[in-house]
Amino acid sequence: MNKHARIDKLLDDPRWQAVLERDPDADGQFVYAISTTGIYCRPTCPSRRPKPEHTQIFDQPHQAEKAGYRPCLRCVPQRLETLQQQQSRLVEEACRQIRDNETAPDLSKLAEHAGFSMSHFHKLFKQVTGITPKKYAQSLRLEKLEQELTNNKTSVTEAIYNSGYNESSNFYASRNRLSGMTASAHKKGGTNIVLHYAIAPCSLGKVLVAATSKGISSILLGDDDNTLLDDLRKRFPKAEITASGEEFTDMLQSCVAFIEQPQPHFDLPLDIHGTIFQQKIWQILRQIPPGETVSYAELARLAGMPKAARAVAGACAANPVAVIVPCHRVVRNDGGLSGYRWGVERKRTLLNKEKITADD
């Protein structure tokens, strides 16, 4: 085949258009090689697009290598993975770098390692994890601090410094994740935290709503006021728990209304506490619209951790705000209803109600 015929054939190949458009759906389907550089790339490689006369398309990476081409160090095409899988892998590598360093690496170094500009990497990291690299690093330090605070032999000051904070003021500037508690209060089991609560009837039985000064911290479902209050006390054994007054009415009514007719978004502030992984799962759950469901395996894939279905189930079980974080929208792989912390029948009722509303 002469040069012009080969170019014409390439221009008629839909895969060439996918290369020009950096089509993410084409990732993992083929690779293209550039004769002038001697390397081959995935369709979404961020490098400059080659000229058609210098381009050859291969179905598999090993075919390109057999023809004498080397894999691109930037897009790593020898790993036949989708764009989403590639992005998740790059972000997971960045998370590992942050975890393995006592001092969080600069954003510029993380971005350079991933092969992206700082702005693009920052956006990608937040897209995959739900938080920025800086907040991820802060969360890791706070988790380490929580572990340090459980050691009765360690003072609060020692715990703060052992967790990577150069100054105690750096900790207090980022302590919001500890549900409004100071380090001393957290070490004592939340002694200084004040929770206001109220209980109201709803179509699912009874609902208890509890909040700190920063936002809603618990939404619990049940049939009995005393049982719900006992559940709240088990969650916050050292907190000051007080029945709310009239000022709590609007918040309570908003929660009941959301339970009766869930919406895509809940506008009231939340003050919920969980591990980085739990927070990530809860954030993904809040993006699932009413009327739709996902399996635990699908949720794990959405989180970029396809083998973590069991951990995903644990994060769902730890959900502190029923319905607002819609863990009831997670089902078994066969579509069947699995366990629900507040009862399978409540889960069935919620899903049926949401399906009817979505179909209208």
Protein backbone atom coordinates (compact mmCIF):
# COMPACT_ATOMS: atom_id res chain seq x y z
CA MET A 1 0.00 0.00 0.00
CA ASN A 2 1.51 3.34 -1.04
CA LYS A 3 1.76 6.35 1.27
CA HIS A 4 -1.29 8.21 -0.03
CA ALA A 5 -3.50 5.12 0.12
CA ARG A 6 -2.39 4.45 3.70
CA ILE A 7 -3.19 8.05 4.72
CA ASP A 8 -6.60 7.89 3.03
CA LYS A 9 -7.36 4.65 4.85
CA LEU A 10 -6.37 6.20 8.18
CA LEU A 11 -8.52 9.29 7.57
CA ASP A 12 -11.52 7.03 6.91
CA ASP A 13 -10.88 5.05 10.11
CA PRO A 14 -13.20 6.25 12.94
CA ARG A 15 -10.36 5.55 15.36
CA TRP A 16 -8.38 8.42 13.83
CA GLN A 17 -11.22 10.78 14.66
CA ALA A 18 -11.20 9.39 18.20
CA VAL A 19 -7.49 10.25 18.42
CA LEU A 20 -8.11 13.80 17.18
CA GLU A 21 -10.92 14.29 19.70
CA ARG A 22 -9.13 12.48 22.55
CA ASP A 23 -12.32 10.46 22.93
CA PRO A 24 -12.38 8.95 26.46
CA ASP A 25 -14.62 6.10 25.25
CA ALA A 26 -11.80 4.98 22.94
CA ASP A 27 -9.34 4.43 25.78
CA GLY A 28 -8.52 0.75 26.18
CA GLN A 29 -9.78 -0.04 22.66
CA PHE A 30 -6.58 0.60 20.68
CA VAL A 31 -3.29 2.53 20.67
CA TYR A 32 -1.68 4.75 18.05
CA ALA A 33 2.02 5.07 17.22
CA ILE A 34 4.04 8.01 15.87
CA SER A 35 6.88 7.16 13.51
CA THR A 36 8.79 10.42 14.13
CA THR A 37 9.09 9.82 17.89
CA GLY A 38 9.08 6.03 18.01
CA ILE A 39 6.46 5.93 20.78
CA TYR A 40 2.86 4.79 20.98
CA CYS A 41 0.03 6.36 22.98
CA ARG A 42 -3.52 5.88 24.17
CA PRO A 43 -6.23 7.91 22.34
CA THR A 44 -6.59 10.40 25.20
CA CYS A 45 -2.89 11.17 25.57
CA PRO A 46 -2.54 14.91 26.32
CA SER A 47 0.43 15.23 23.95
CA ARG A 48 0.12 17.17 20.68
CA ARG A 49 -1.86 15.35 17.95
CA PRO A 50 0.38 13.75 15.29
CA LYS A 51 0.10 14.20 11.55
CA PRO A 52 -1.74 11.35 9.79
CA GLU A 53 1.28 10.53 7.61
CA HIS A 54 3.27 9.79 10.79
CA THR A 55 0.55 7.75 12.51
CA GLN A 56 -0.17 4.04 12.70
CA ILE A 57 -2.98 2.41 14.70
CA PHE A 58 -2.66 -0.92 16.52
CA ASP A 59 -5.34 -2.99 18.25
CA GLN A 60 -3.06 -4.00 21.13
CA PRO A 61 0.00 -2.47 22.85
CA HIS A 62 2.10 -5.60 22.23
CA GLN A 63 1.56 -5.17 18.47
CA ALA A 64 2.97 -1.65 18.63
CA GLU A 65 5.95 -2.85 20.67
CA LYS A 66 6.55 -5.71 18.23
CA ALA A 67 6.71 -3.07 15.48
CA GLY A 68 9.47 -1.29 17.42
CA TYR A 69 7.54 1.40 19.28
CA ARG A 70 8.04 2.33 22.96
CA PRO A 71 5.17 3.15 25.35
CA CYS A 72 4.58 6.81 26.13
CA LEU A 73 5.74 7.65 29.66
CA ARG A 74 3.01 10.26 29.96
CA CYS A 75 -0.15 8.27 29.20
CA VAL A 76 1.18 4.73 29.97
CA PRO A 77 -0.68 3.06 27.06
CA GLN A 78 0.57 -0.45 27.84
CA ARG A 79 -2.08 -0.54 30.55
CA LEU A 80 -5.28 -1.14 28.64
CA GLU A 81 -7.58 0.79 30.92
CA THR A 82 -10.37 3.28 30.45
CA LEU A 83 -9.81 6.98 31.04
CA GLN A 84 -11.72 6.74 34.32
CA GLN A 85 -9.54 3.83 35.46
CA GLN A 86 -6.40 5.72 34.46
CA GLN A 87 -7.50 8.83 36.32
CA SER A 88 -8.41 6.80 39.41
CA ARG A 89 -5.01 5.10 39.31
CA LEU A 90 -3.14 8.41 39.03
CA VAL A 91 -5.12 9.88 41.92
CA GLU A 92 -4.58 6.75 44.02
CA GLU A 93 -0.83 7.09 43.38
CA ALA A 94 -1.02 10.72 44.50
CA CYS A 95 -2.92 9.66 47.64
CA ARG A 96 -0.19 7.12 48.36
CA GLN A 97 2.49 9.82 47.99
CA ILE A 98 0.61 12.03 50.44
CA ARG A 99 0.17 9.13 52.90
CA ASP A 100 3.82 8.07 52.69
CA ASN A 101 5.25 11.53 53.37
CA GLU A 102 5.19 13.19 56.78
CA THR A 103 4.95 16.52 54.99
CA ALA A 104 2.42 16.61 52.16
CA PRO A 105 4.12 16.99 48.74
CA ASP A 106 3.56 20.26 46.89
CA LEU A 107 0.68 20.30 44.43
CA SER A 108 3.17 21.06 41.66
CA LYS A 109 5.13 17.86 42.39
CA LEU A 110 1.98 15.73 42.55
CA ALA A 111 0.75 17.20 39.26
CA GLU A 112 4.14 16.74 37.59
CA HIS A 113 4.26 13.08 38.66
CA ALA A 114 0.76 12.52 37.22
CA GLY A 115 1.66 14.31 33.98
CA PHE A 116 -0.86 17.14 34.30
CA SER A 117 -0.88 20.86 34.91
CA MET A 118 -1.54 21.92 38.51
CA SER A 119 -5.02 23.25 37.75
CA HIS A 120 -6.07 20.13 35.84
CA PHE A 121 -4.67 17.79 38.47
CA HIS A 122 -6.36 19.73 41.29
CA LYS A 123 -9.69 19.43 39.45
CA LEU A 124 -9.14 15.73 38.71
CA PHE A 125 -8.18 14.90 42.31
CA LYS A 126 -11.33 16.56 43.62
CA GLN A 127 -13.44 14.85 40.96
CA VAL A 128 -12.19 11.38 41.98
CA THR A 129 -11.98 11.78 45.77
CA GLY A 130 -14.51 14.51 46.44
CA ILE A 131 -11.93 16.66 48.26
CA THR A 132 -8.84 18.67 47.31
CA PRO A 133 -5.27 17.34 47.81
CA LYS A 134 -4.81 19.81 50.67
CA LYS A 135 -7.98 18.66 52.44
CA TYR A 136 -6.98 15.05 51.89
CA ALA A 137 -3.64 15.68 53.60
CA GLN A 138 -5.41 17.51 56.44
CA SER A 139 -7.84 14.62 56.84
CA LEU A 140 -4.96 12.15 57.12
CA ARG A 141 -3.38 14.22 59.87
CA LEU A 142 -6.69 14.50 61.69
CA GLU A 143 -7.18 10.73 61.49
CA LYS A 144 -3.71 10.23 62.94
CA LEU A 145 -4.55 12.75 65.65
CA GLU A 146 -7.71 10.85 66.55
CA GLN A 147 -5.62 7.70 67.01
CA GLU A 148 -3.09 9.59 69.11
CA LEU A 149 -5.83 11.04 71.32
CA THR A 150 -7.03 7.56 72.28
CA ASN A 151 -3.67 6.93 73.94
CA ASN A 152 -4.10 7.86 77.59
CA LYS A 153 -0.32 8.20 77.98
CA THR A 154 -0.16 10.95 75.36
CA SER A 155 -0.99 14.55 76.20
CA VAL A 156 -3.08 16.63 73.84
CA THR A 157 -0.06 18.74 72.86
CA GLU A 158 2.06 15.64 72.17
CA ALA A 159 -0.75 14.13 70.10
CA ILE A 160 -0.99 17.27 67.98
CA TYR A 161 2.75 17.34 67.27
CA ASN A 162 2.94 13.56 66.72
CA SER A 163 0.24 13.91 64.06
CA GLY A 164 2.38 16.20 61.92
CA TYR A 165 1.20 19.64 63.04
CA ASN A 166 4.18 21.98 63.41
CA GLU A 167 2.19 24.21 65.74
CA SER A 168 -0.95 23.64 67.77
CA SER A 169 -2.47 26.66 66.03
CA ASN A 170 -2.27 24.78 62.72
CA PHE A 171 -4.47 22.08 64.20
CA TYR A 172 -7.05 24.45 65.63
CA ALA A 173 -7.28 26.19 62.26
CA SER A 174 -8.41 22.92 60.64
CA ARG A 175 -10.29 21.20 63.47
CA ASN A 176 -13.76 21.51 61.89
CA ARG A 177 -13.69 17.90 60.83
CA LEU A 178 -13.93 16.85 64.48
CA SER A 179 -17.58 17.89 64.61
CA GLY A 180 -16.80 21.21 66.24
CA MET A 181 -14.90 19.62 69.13
CA THR A 182 -11.54 20.74 70.41
CA ALA A 183 -8.77 18.17 70.72
CA SER A 184 -9.29 18.02 74.50
CA ALA A 185 -13.01 17.43 74.09
CA HIS A 186 -12.41 14.71 71.53
CA LYS A 187 -9.93 12.99 73.82
CA LYS A 188 -12.60 12.99 76.54
CA GLY A 189 -15.24 11.49 74.24
CA GLY A 190 -16.86 14.74 73.13
CA THR A 191 -17.51 16.14 76.59
CA ASN A 192 -17.99 19.71 75.42
CA ILE A 193 -20.15 19.07 72.38
CA VAL A 194 -23.77 20.24 72.63
CA LEU A 195 -26.46 18.46 70.62
CA HIS A 196 -30.02 19.65 70.25
CA TYR A 197 -32.55 17.11 69.06
CA ALA A 198 -36.22 16.71 68.21
CA ILE A 199 -38.42 13.75 67.26
CA ALA A 200 -41.34 13.85 64.84
CA PRO A 201 -43.68 11.35 63.18
CA CYS A 202 -43.20 10.53 59.50
CA SER A 203 -44.38 7.93 57.00
CA LEU A 204 -41.47 5.68 58.05
CA GLY A 205 -42.41 5.78 61.75
CA LYS A 206 -40.47 8.27 63.87
CA VAL A 207 -37.49 10.41 62.90
CA LEU A 208 -34.95 11.93 65.29
CA VAL A 209 -32.97 14.92 64.06
CA ALA A 210 -29.94 16.11 66.05
CA ALA A 211 -27.66 19.04 65.30
CA THR A 212 -24.65 20.91 66.62
CA SER A 213 -24.25 24.64 66.12
CA LYS A 214 -22.63 23.84 62.76
CA GLY A 215 -25.28 21.60 61.23
CA ILE A 216 -27.21 18.35 61.32
CA SER A 217 -25.17 15.52 62.78
CA SER A 218 -27.73 12.69 63.01
CA ILE A 219 -30.99 11.66 61.38
CA LEU A 220 -32.24 8.40 62.85
CA LEU A 221 -35.34 6.35 61.98
CA GLY A 222 -37.32 4.12 64.31
CA ASP A 223 -40.64 3.39 65.99
CA ASP A 224 -40.05 4.50 69.56
CA ASP A 225 -38.87 7.83 70.99
CA ASN A 226 -36.84 6.26 73.79
CA THR A 227 -35.08 3.82 71.46
CA LEU A 228 -34.13 6.65 69.11
CA LEU A 229 -32.78 8.75 71.97
CA ASP A 230 -30.78 5.78 73.28
CA ASP A 231 -29.27 5.35 69.82
CA LEU A 232 -28.24 9.02 69.78
CA ARG A 233 -26.66 8.73 73.24
CA LYS A 234 -24.65 5.70 72.13
CA ARG A 235 -23.30 7.73 69.25
CA PHE A 236 -22.38 10.68 71.48
CA PRO A 237 -21.87 9.15 74.95
CA LYS A 238 -20.17 12.20 76.47
CA ALA A 239 -22.07 14.95 74.68
CA GLU A 240 -24.58 17.29 76.27
CA ILE A 241 -27.84 16.22 74.61
CA THR A 242 -30.75 18.61 74.98
CA ALA A 243 -34.30 18.60 73.64
CA SER A 244 -34.73 21.47 71.20
CA GLY A 245 -37.06 24.44 71.41
CA GLU A 246 -39.17 26.18 68.80
CA GLU A 247 -36.08 27.44 66.99
CA PHE A 248 -35.52 23.85 65.81
CA THR A 249 -38.94 23.57 64.15
CA ASP A 250 -37.95 24.71 60.66
CA MET A 251 -34.99 22.32 60.53
CA LEU A 252 -37.11 19.40 61.75
CA GLN A 253 -39.88 20.14 59.25
CA SER A 254 -37.36 20.38 56.41
CA CYS A 255 -35.97 16.94 57.29
CA VAL A 256 -39.45 15.38 57.50
CA ALA A 257 -40.41 16.96 54.16
CA PHE A 258 -37.25 15.55 52.56
CA ILE A 259 -38.06 12.07 53.89
CA GLU A 260 -41.60 12.28 52.53
CA GLN A 261 -40.41 13.47 49.12
CA PRO A 262 -36.64 13.17 48.60
CA GLN A 263 -35.10 15.74 46.28
CA PRO A 264 -31.80 15.66 44.35
CA HIS A 265 -30.26 18.11 46.83
CA PHE A 266 -30.55 18.85 50.55
CA ASP A 267 -29.73 22.46 51.31
CA LEU A 268 -29.31 22.51 55.10
CA PRO A 269 -25.74 22.27 56.48
CA LEU A 270 -24.44 18.94 57.76
CA ASP A 271 -21.93 18.33 60.55
CA ILE A 272 -21.14 14.65 60.08
CA HIS A 273 -17.93 12.88 60.95
CA GLY A 274 -16.36 9.87 59.24
CA THR A 275 -13.15 8.52 57.76
CA ILE A 276 -11.91 9.80 54.42
CA PHE A 277 -13.25 6.68 52.72
CA GLN A 278 -16.66 6.99 54.39
CA GLN A 279 -16.93 10.65 53.45
CA LYS A 280 -16.09 9.80 49.86
CA ILE A 281 -18.80 7.11 49.70
CA TRP A 282 -21.35 9.40 51.33
CA GLN A 283 -20.59 12.13 48.81
CA ILE A 284 -21.03 9.73 45.88
CA LEU A 285 -24.31 8.49 47.38
CA ARG A 286 -25.65 12.04 47.47
CA GLN A 287 -25.09 12.27 43.71
CA ILE A 288 -27.43 9.32 42.98
CA PRO A 289 -30.80 10.83 42.02
CA PRO A 290 -34.11 9.64 43.51
CA GLY A 291 -35.55 6.73 41.54
CA GLU A 292 -32.17 5.20 40.71
CA THR A 293 -30.14 2.51 42.49
CA VAL A 294 -26.61 1.14 42.35
CA SER A 295 -25.07 -2.09 43.58
CA TYR A 296 -22.30 -2.20 46.17
CA ALA A 297 -19.91 -3.28 43.40
CA GLU A 298 -20.97 -0.36 41.18
CA LEU A 299 -20.55 2.05 44.08
CA ALA A 300 -17.05 0.69 44.68
CA ARG A 301 -16.21 1.27 41.01
CA LEU A 302 -17.57 4.81 41.16
CA ALA A 303 -15.25 5.38 44.11
CA GLY A 304 -12.33 4.15 42.00
CA MET A 305 -11.87 1.10 44.23
CA PRO A 306 -13.55 -1.82 42.40
CA LYS A 307 -12.41 -4.42 44.95
CA ALA A 308 -13.75 -2.53 47.97
CA ALA A 309 -17.42 -3.60 47.84
CA ARG A 310 -17.30 -4.88 51.42
CA ALA A 311 -15.78 -1.63 52.69
CA VAL A 312 -18.46 0.26 50.75
CA ALA A 313 -21.14 -1.72 52.58
CA GLY A 314 -19.50 -0.75 55.86
CA ALA A 315 -19.51 2.93 54.91
CA CYS A 316 -23.22 2.68 54.06
CA ALA A 317 -23.92 1.06 57.44
CA ALA A 318 -22.05 3.89 59.20
CA ASN A 319 -24.17 6.59 57.53
CA PRO A 320 -25.30 8.97 60.33
CA VAL A 321 -28.02 10.81 58.38
CA ALA A 322 -30.76 8.57 57.01
CA VAL A 323 -32.24 9.49 53.60
CA ILE A 324 -30.11 12.67 53.30
CA VAL A 325 -27.18 10.40 52.47
CA PRO A 326 -29.28 7.87 50.52
CA CYS A 327 -27.65 4.57 51.42
CA HIS A 328 -31.08 3.01 50.81
CA ARG A 329 -30.37 3.36 47.07
CA VAL A 330 -27.68 0.67 47.25
CA VAL A 331 -28.89 -2.83 46.38
CA ARG A 332 -27.43 -6.27 45.73
CA ASN A 333 -25.89 -7.10 42.35
CA ASP A 334 -29.09 -8.93 41.36
CA GLY A 335 -31.20 -5.90 42.28
CA GLY A 336 -32.52 -7.47 45.47
CA LEU A 337 -32.81 -5.52 48.71
CA SER A 338 -29.98 -6.12 51.15
CA GLY A 339 -29.75 -5.06 54.76
CA TYR A 340 -30.64 -1.54 55.80
CA ARG A 341 -29.71 -0.13 59.15
CA TRP A 342 -33.22 1.19 59.74
CA GLY A 343 -34.99 -1.91 58.41
CA VAL A 344 -35.47 -3.47 54.98
CA GLU A 345 -39.17 -2.55 54.91
CA ARG A 346 -38.29 1.13 55.30
CA LYS A 347 -35.81 0.72 52.47
CA ARG A 348 -38.48 -0.86 50.28
CA THR A 349 -40.94 1.93 51.10
CA LEU A 350 -38.40 4.63 50.25
CA LEU A 351 -37.40 3.05 46.95
CA ASN A 352 -41.01 2.44 45.87
CA LYS A 353 -41.93 6.03 46.73
CA GLU A 354 -38.94 7.42 44.82
CA LYS A 355 -39.65 5.24 41.78
CA ILE A 356 -43.26 6.45 41.60
CA THR A 357 -42.15 10.08 41.91
CA ALA A 358 -39.46 9.65 39.24
CA ASP A 359 -41.94 8.02 36.82
CA ASP A 360 -44.50 10.84 37.17
